[in-house]
Amino acid sequence: MPITDELDKLQKEIDTAKKDAAIFEGRLQESMKRLKEDFGLESVEEATKEIGRLKTEIVSLEADVEKGITSLKENYQW
């Protein structure tokens, strides 16, 4: 294969990679915008911390529900 053909092929690959990078950058910006608008979070780190907080809250709420169910079963016939 002549060198010019190889260079053309490489140029096409570079152009495709640049286009893909621009698309992914746009997606990232949109995701960060939604993160801020929907949840008031500025970064992925903040989102990760919020996820941890919410998981802890869910565990606590599940325990409260289980206690409530147990109490109901003890006080009322099912």
N, C-alpha and C. Protein backbone atom coordinates (compact mmCIF):
# COMPACT_ATOMS: atom_id res chain seq x y z
N MET A 1 0.85 -1.17 0.00
CA MET A 1 0.00 0.00 0.00
C MET A 1 0.90 1.24 0.00
N PRO A 2 0.63 2.15 -0.91
CA PRO A 2 1.45 3.37 -0.97
C PRO A 2 1.28 4.21 0.30
N ILE A 3 2.32 4.95 0.59
CA ILE A 3 2.34 5.76 1.80
C ILE A 3 1.20 6.79 1.82
N THR A 4 0.83 7.30 0.67
CA THR A 4 -0.26 8.28 0.63
C THR A 4 -1.59 7.66 1.03
N ASP A 5 -1.78 6.41 0.63
CA ASP A 5 -3.00 5.71 1.04
C ASP A 5 -3.02 5.48 2.54
N GLU A 6 -1.86 5.12 3.08
CA GLU A 6 -1.78 4.92 4.53
C GLU A 6 -2.04 6.22 5.27
N LEU A 7 -1.48 7.31 4.75
CA LEU A 7 -1.69 8.62 5.38
C LEU A 7 -3.16 9.04 5.30
N ASP A 8 -3.79 8.78 4.18
CA ASP A 8 -5.22 9.09 4.04
C ASP A 8 -6.05 8.28 5.04
N LYS A 9 -5.70 7.01 5.17
CA LYS A 9 -6.41 6.15 6.12
C LYS A 9 -6.24 6.66 7.55
N LEU A 10 -5.01 7.00 7.89
CA LEU A 10 -4.75 7.54 9.23
C LEU A 10 -5.49 8.85 9.46
N GLN A 11 -5.53 9.70 8.44
CA GLN A 11 -6.23 10.98 8.57
C GLN A 11 -7.72 10.75 8.82
N LYS A 12 -8.30 9.78 8.15
CA LYS A 12 -9.72 9.46 8.35
C LYS A 12 -9.95 8.95 9.77
N GLU A 13 -9.04 8.12 10.26
CA GLU A 13 -9.15 7.62 11.63
C GLU A 13 -9.05 8.76 12.63
N ILE A 14 -8.14 9.69 12.39
CA ILE A 14 -7.99 10.85 13.27
C ILE A 14 -9.25 11.70 13.25
N ASP A 15 -9.78 11.93 12.07
CA ASP A 15 -11.01 12.73 11.96
C ASP A 15 -12.18 12.07 12.69
N THR A 16 -12.29 10.76 12.55
CA THR A 16 -13.35 10.02 13.23
C THR A 16 -13.17 10.12 14.74
N ALA A 17 -11.94 9.98 15.21
CA ALA A 17 -11.65 10.07 16.64
C ALA A 17 -11.98 11.47 17.18
N LYS A 18 -11.65 12.50 16.42
CA LYS A 18 -11.97 13.88 16.84
C LYS A 18 -13.48 14.08 16.93
N LYS A 19 -14.20 13.55 15.96
CA LYS A 19 -15.66 13.67 15.95
C LYS A 19 -16.26 12.94 17.15
N ASP A 20 -15.77 11.73 17.41
CA ASP A 20 -16.25 10.96 18.55
C ASP A 20 -15.95 11.70 19.86
N ALA A 21 -14.75 12.27 19.96
CA ALA A 21 -14.37 13.00 21.17
C ALA A 21 -15.31 14.19 21.39
N ALA A 22 -15.64 14.89 20.33
CA ALA A 22 -16.55 16.03 20.45
C ALA A 22 -17.94 15.59 20.90
N ILE A 23 -18.40 14.47 20.38
CA ILE A 23 -19.70 13.94 20.78
C ILE A 23 -19.69 13.58 22.26
N PHE A 24 -18.65 12.89 22.70
CA PHE A 24 -18.56 12.48 24.10
C PHE A 24 -18.40 13.68 25.02
N GLU A 25 -17.69 14.70 24.58
CA GLU A 25 -17.55 15.93 25.37
C GLU A 25 -18.91 16.59 25.55
N GLY A 26 -19.70 16.62 24.49
CA GLY A 26 -21.04 17.19 24.57
C GLY A 26 -21.92 16.40 25.52
N ARG A 27 -21.83 15.09 25.47
CA ARG A 27 -22.61 14.26 26.38
C ARG A 27 -22.19 14.49 27.82
N LEU A 28 -20.89 14.61 28.05
CA LEU A 28 -20.39 14.86 29.40
C LEU A 28 -20.91 16.20 29.92
N GLN A 29 -20.84 17.23 29.09
CA GLN A 29 -21.32 18.55 29.50
C GLN A 29 -22.81 18.50 29.82
N GLU A 30 -23.58 17.82 29.02
CA GLU A 30 -25.02 17.71 29.26
C GLU A 30 -25.29 16.95 30.56
N SER A 31 -24.53 15.89 30.80
CA SER A 31 -24.71 15.12 32.03
C SER A 31 -24.37 15.97 33.25
N MET A 32 -23.30 16.74 33.17
CA MET A 32 -22.91 17.60 34.29
C MET A 32 -23.96 18.69 34.51
N LYS A 33 -24.52 19.21 33.44
CA LYS A 33 -25.57 20.22 33.56
C LYS A 33 -26.79 19.64 34.27
N ARG A 34 -27.19 18.44 33.87
CA ARG A 34 -28.34 17.78 34.50
C ARG A 34 -28.07 17.46 35.96
N LEU A 35 -26.84 17.05 36.26
CA LEU A 35 -26.46 16.75 37.64
C LEU A 35 -26.65 17.99 38.51
N LYS A 36 -26.25 19.13 37.97
CA LYS A 36 -26.38 20.38 38.72
C LYS A 36 -27.84 20.81 38.81
N GLU A 37 -28.55 20.78 37.70
CA GLU A 37 -29.94 21.25 37.68
C GLU A 37 -30.88 20.34 38.48
N ASP A 38 -30.73 19.04 38.32
CA ASP A 38 -31.65 18.10 38.95
C ASP A 38 -31.34 17.83 40.42
N PHE A 39 -30.04 17.88 40.77
CA PHE A 39 -29.66 17.48 42.12
C PHE A 39 -28.84 18.51 42.87
N GLY A 40 -28.47 19.61 42.21
CA GLY A 40 -27.69 20.65 42.86
C GLY A 40 -26.26 20.23 43.15
N LEU A 41 -25.73 19.30 42.37
CA LEU A 41 -24.38 18.78 42.58
C LEU A 41 -23.46 19.30 41.50
N GLU A 42 -22.24 19.64 41.91
CA GLU A 42 -21.28 20.27 40.99
C GLU A 42 -20.29 19.30 40.36
N SER A 43 -20.15 18.11 40.94
CA SER A 43 -19.11 17.21 40.44
C SER A 43 -19.52 15.75 40.63
N VAL A 44 -18.77 14.88 39.99
CA VAL A 44 -18.99 13.45 40.15
C VAL A 44 -18.67 13.04 41.59
N GLU A 45 -17.67 13.67 42.19
CA GLU A 45 -17.33 13.38 43.59
C GLU A 45 -18.51 13.69 44.50
N GLU A 46 -19.14 14.86 44.30
CA GLU A 46 -20.31 15.21 45.10
C GLU A 46 -21.43 14.20 44.89
N ALA A 47 -21.62 13.77 43.65
CA ALA A 47 -22.66 12.79 43.34
C ALA A 47 -22.38 11.47 44.04
N THR A 48 -21.13 11.06 44.05
CA THR A 48 -20.75 9.81 44.71
C THR A 48 -21.05 9.89 46.21
N LYS A 49 -20.72 11.02 46.83
CA LYS A 49 -20.99 11.21 48.26
C LYS A 49 -22.50 11.19 48.51
N GLU A 50 -23.26 11.83 47.63
CA GLU A 50 -24.72 11.86 47.79
C GLU A 50 -25.30 10.46 47.65
N ILE A 51 -24.78 9.68 46.74
CA ILE A 51 -25.24 8.29 46.58
C ILE A 51 -24.99 7.52 47.87
N GLY A 52 -23.83 7.69 48.46
CA GLY A 52 -23.53 7.02 49.73
C GLY A 52 -24.48 7.44 50.83
N ARG A 53 -24.76 8.73 50.91
CA ARG A 53 -25.69 9.24 51.91
C ARG A 53 -27.08 8.66 51.71
N LEU A 54 -27.52 8.63 50.47
CA LEU A 54 -28.85 8.11 50.17
C LEU A 54 -28.94 6.61 50.44
N LYS A 55 -27.89 5.88 50.16
CA LYS A 55 -27.90 4.44 50.46
C LYS A 55 -28.03 4.21 51.95
N THR A 56 -27.33 5.00 52.74
CA THR A 56 -27.42 4.90 54.20
C THR A 56 -28.83 5.22 54.66
N GLU A 57 -29.41 6.24 54.08
CA GLU A 57 -30.79 6.62 54.43
C GLU A 57 -31.77 5.51 54.07
N ILE A 58 -31.59 4.88 52.94
CA ILE A 58 -32.46 3.78 52.52
C ILE A 58 -32.37 2.63 53.51
N VAL A 59 -31.17 2.29 53.92
CA VAL A 59 -30.99 1.19 54.88
C VAL A 59 -31.73 1.52 56.17
N SER A 60 -31.60 2.75 56.63
CA SER A 60 -32.28 3.17 57.86
C SER A 60 -33.80 3.11 57.71
N LEU A 61 -34.29 3.58 56.58
CA LEU A 61 -35.74 3.55 56.34
C LEU A 61 -36.25 2.11 56.23
N GLU A 62 -35.49 1.25 55.59
CA GLU A 62 -35.89 -0.15 55.50
C GLU A 62 -35.98 -0.78 56.89
N ALA A 63 -35.02 -0.44 57.75
CA ALA A 63 -35.04 -0.97 59.12
C ALA A 63 -36.27 -0.46 59.86
N ASP A 64 -36.62 0.81 59.67
CA ASP A 64 -37.81 1.37 60.30
C ASP A 64 -39.08 0.66 59.83
N VAL A 65 -39.14 0.38 58.54
CA VAL A 65 -40.31 -0.33 57.99
C VAL A 65 -40.39 -1.73 58.57
N GLU A 66 -39.27 -2.41 58.64
CA GLU A 66 -39.26 -3.76 59.21
C GLU A 66 -39.72 -3.74 60.67
N LYS A 67 -39.26 -2.75 61.44
CA LYS A 67 -39.69 -2.63 62.83
C LYS A 67 -41.20 -2.39 62.90
N GLY A 68 -41.70 -1.54 62.02
CA GLY A 68 -43.13 -1.27 61.99
C GLY A 68 -43.95 -2.50 61.66
N ILE A 69 -43.49 -3.27 60.70
CA ILE A 69 -44.18 -4.51 60.32
C ILE A 69 -44.16 -5.50 61.48
N THR A 70 -43.02 -5.63 62.12
CA THR A 70 -42.90 -6.53 63.26
C THR A 70 -43.85 -6.11 64.37
N SER A 71 -43.92 -4.84 64.63
CA SER A 71 -44.82 -4.31 65.66
C SER A 71 -46.28 -4.61 65.31
N LEU A 72 -46.64 -4.39 64.07
CA LEU A 72 -48.00 -4.68 63.63
C LEU A 72 -48.33 -6.16 63.79
N LYS A 73 -47.41 -7.02 63.41
CA LYS A 73 -47.64 -8.46 63.53
C LYS A 73 -47.80 -8.87 64.99
N GLU A 74 -47.06 -8.23 65.89
CA GLU A 74 -47.16 -8.56 67.30
C GLU A 74 -48.48 -8.08 67.91
N ASN A 75 -48.98 -6.97 67.42
CA ASN A 75 -50.17 -6.36 68.00
C ASN A 75 -51.48 -6.77 67.32
N TYR A 76 -51.41 -7.27 66.13
CA TYR A 76 -52.62 -7.63 65.39
C TYR A 76 -52.43 -9.00 64.75
N GLN A 77 -53.52 -9.73 64.67
CA GLN A 77 -53.44 -11.02 64.00
C GLN A 77 -53.45 -10.81 62.49
N TRP A 78 -52.64 -11.61 61.82
CA TRP A 78 -52.57 -11.51 60.35
C TRP A 78 -53.21 -12.70 59.75
